[in-house]
Amino acid sequence: MTDGVNVTFGGAGAAKPVRSHYQSEGVREVRSRAQFLEQTQSPQEQAGLKRLRGLLSQGQPLDQNAPRGYYLNINV
């Protein structure tokens, strides 16, 4: 008696690889568009990201009660 069974198929009968997680059609579309759109950051966005990196590098949790856009305010 064996503990496991190994079955391998080659050629046209091979199954597609299984994704490790589910992605909706909308998520796939957004990721696809993001890969091809030009992404430029304004000086304000760059300064905001630099500030956020500095806050995160301190190793302390961010304030959960901060208003939206307090830590990083960008236009999408």
C-alpha atoms as a PDB file:
ATOM      1  CA  MET A   1       0.000   0.000   0.000  1.00  0.00           C
ATOM      2  CA  THR A   2       1.292   3.477  -0.802  1.00  0.00           C
ATOM      3  CA  ASP A   3       0.709   6.724   1.060  1.00  0.00           C
ATOM      4  CA  GLY A   4       0.454   8.922  -2.008  1.00  0.00           C
ATOM      5  CA  VAL A   5      -0.301   8.683  -5.669  1.00  0.00           C
ATOM      6  CA  ASN A   6       1.663  10.634  -8.262  1.00  0.00           C
ATOM      7  CA  VAL A   7      -0.076  11.049 -11.576  1.00  0.00           C
ATOM      8  CA  THR A   8       1.504  13.128 -14.322  1.00  0.00           C
ATOM      9  CA  PHE A   9       0.079  13.969 -17.694  1.00  0.00           C
ATOM     10  CA  GLY A  10       1.992  15.494 -20.559  1.00  0.00           C
ATOM     11  CA  GLY A  11       1.086  17.146 -23.797  1.00  0.00           C
ATOM     12  CA  ALA A  12      -2.445  18.236 -24.659  1.00  0.00           C
ATOM     13  CA  GLY A  13      -3.971  16.484 -21.668  1.00  0.00           C
ATOM     14  CA  ALA A  14      -2.094  18.619 -19.138  1.00  0.00           C
ATOM     15  CA  ALA A  15      -4.241  20.762 -16.886  1.00  0.00           C
ATOM     16  CA  LYS A  16      -3.832  24.515 -16.560  1.00  0.00           C
ATOM     17  CA  PRO A  17      -1.853  25.697 -13.546  1.00  0.00           C
ATOM     18  CA  VAL A  18      -4.104  26.626 -10.654  1.00  0.00           C
ATOM     19  CA  ARG A  19      -3.939  30.225  -9.385  1.00  0.00           C
ATOM     20  CA  SER A  20      -2.995  30.628  -5.767  1.00  0.00           C
ATOM     21  CA  HIS A  21      -5.788  33.176  -5.182  1.00  0.00           C
ATOM     22  CA  TYR A  22      -8.978  34.398  -6.816  1.00  0.00           C
ATOM     23  CA  GLN A  23      -8.946  37.578  -8.902  1.00  0.00           C
ATOM     24  CA  SER A  24     -12.130  39.125 -10.196  1.00  0.00           C
ATOM     25  CA  GLU A  25     -12.298  40.393 -13.753  1.00  0.00           C
ATOM     26  CA  GLY A  26     -12.243  43.977 -12.437  1.00  0.00           C
ATOM     27  CA  VAL A  27      -8.997  43.414 -10.545  1.00  0.00           C
ATOM     28  CA  ARG A  28      -7.347  41.895 -13.599  1.00  0.00           C
ATOM     29  CA  GLU A  29      -8.464  44.850 -15.731  1.00  0.00           C
ATOM     30  CA  VAL A  30      -7.149  47.432 -13.271  1.00  0.00           C
ATOM     31  CA  ARG A  31      -3.777  45.700 -13.014  1.00  0.00           C
ATOM     32  CA  SER A  32      -3.537  45.391 -16.781  1.00  0.00           C
ATOM     33  CA  ARG A  33      -4.269  49.094 -17.315  1.00  0.00           C
ATOM     34  CA  ALA A  34      -1.842  50.121 -14.577  1.00  0.00           C
ATOM     35  CA  GLN A  35       0.980  48.301 -16.360  1.00  0.00           C
ATOM     36  CA  PHE A  36       0.524  50.332 -19.535  1.00  0.00           C
ATOM     37  CA  LEU A  37      -0.404  53.795 -18.263  1.00  0.00           C
ATOM     38  CA  GLU A  38       2.252  56.415 -17.741  1.00  0.00           C
ATOM     39  CA  GLN A  39       2.656  56.944 -14.036  1.00  0.00           C
ATOM     40  CA  THR A  40       4.133  60.272 -13.042  1.00  0.00           C
ATOM     41  CA  GLN A  41       4.207  61.683  -9.559  1.00  0.00           C
ATOM     42  CA  SER A  42       3.799  65.329  -8.738  1.00  0.00           C
ATOM     43  CA  PRO A  43       6.312  66.962  -6.372  1.00  0.00           C
ATOM     44  CA  GLN A  44       3.546  66.959  -3.720  1.00  0.00           C
ATOM     45  CA  GLU A  45       3.048  63.200  -4.108  1.00  0.00           C
ATOM     46  CA  GLN A  46       6.799  62.580  -3.930  1.00  0.00           C
ATOM     47  CA  ALA A  47       7.055  64.681  -0.743  1.00  0.00           C
ATOM     48  CA  GLY A  48       4.073  62.836   0.756  1.00  0.00           C
ATOM     49  CA  LEU A  49       5.616  59.444  -0.006  1.00  0.00           C
ATOM     50  CA  LYS A  50       8.933  60.555   1.510  1.00  0.00           C
ATOM     51  CA  ARG A  51       7.111  61.704   4.659  1.00  0.00           C
ATOM     52  CA  LEU A  52       5.144  58.433   4.878  1.00  0.00           C
ATOM     53  CA  ARG A  53       8.320  56.353   4.440  1.00  0.00           C
ATOM     54  CA  GLY A  54       9.904  58.311   7.281  1.00  0.00           C
ATOM     55  CA  LEU A  55       6.922  57.708   9.558  1.00  0.00           C
ATOM     56  CA  LEU A  56       6.811  53.993   8.705  1.00  0.00           C
ATOM     57  CA  SER A  57      10.559  53.571   9.242  1.00  0.00           C
ATOM     58  CA  GLN A  58      10.133  54.639  12.869  1.00  0.00           C
ATOM     59  CA  GLY A  59       8.419  51.302  13.472  1.00  0.00           C
ATOM     60  CA  GLN A  60       5.430  52.770  15.297  1.00  0.00           C
ATOM     61  CA  PRO A  61       1.864  52.097  14.179  1.00  0.00           C
ATOM     62  CA  LEU A  62       0.019  54.849  12.360  1.00  0.00           C
ATOM     63  CA  ASP A  63      -2.850  56.557  14.151  1.00  0.00           C
ATOM     64  CA  GLN A  64      -6.052  54.754  13.147  1.00  0.00           C
ATOM     65  CA  ASN A  65      -8.150  57.851  13.941  1.00  0.00           C
ATOM     66  CA  ALA A  66      -6.279  60.109  11.500  1.00  0.00           C
ATOM     67  CA  PRO A  67      -8.524  61.708   8.858  1.00  0.00           C
ATOM     68  CA  ARG A  68      -8.433  60.444   5.296  1.00  0.00           C
ATOM     69  CA  GLY A  69      -5.438  61.823   3.417  1.00  0.00           C
ATOM     70  CA  TYR A  70      -3.520  62.761   6.576  1.00  0.00           C
ATOM     71  CA  TYR A  71      -0.605  60.414   5.961  1.00  0.00           C
ATOM     72  CA  LEU A  72      -0.732  60.371   2.171  1.00  0.00           C
ATOM     73  CA  ASN A  73      -2.941  62.457  -0.071  1.00  0.00           C
ATOM     74  CA  ILE A  74      -2.699  61.578  -3.772  1.00  0.00           C
ATOM     75  CA  ASN A  75      -4.926  62.018  -6.798  1.00  0.00           C
ATOM     76  CA  VAL A  76      -5.786  58.914  -8.774  1.00  0.00           C
END
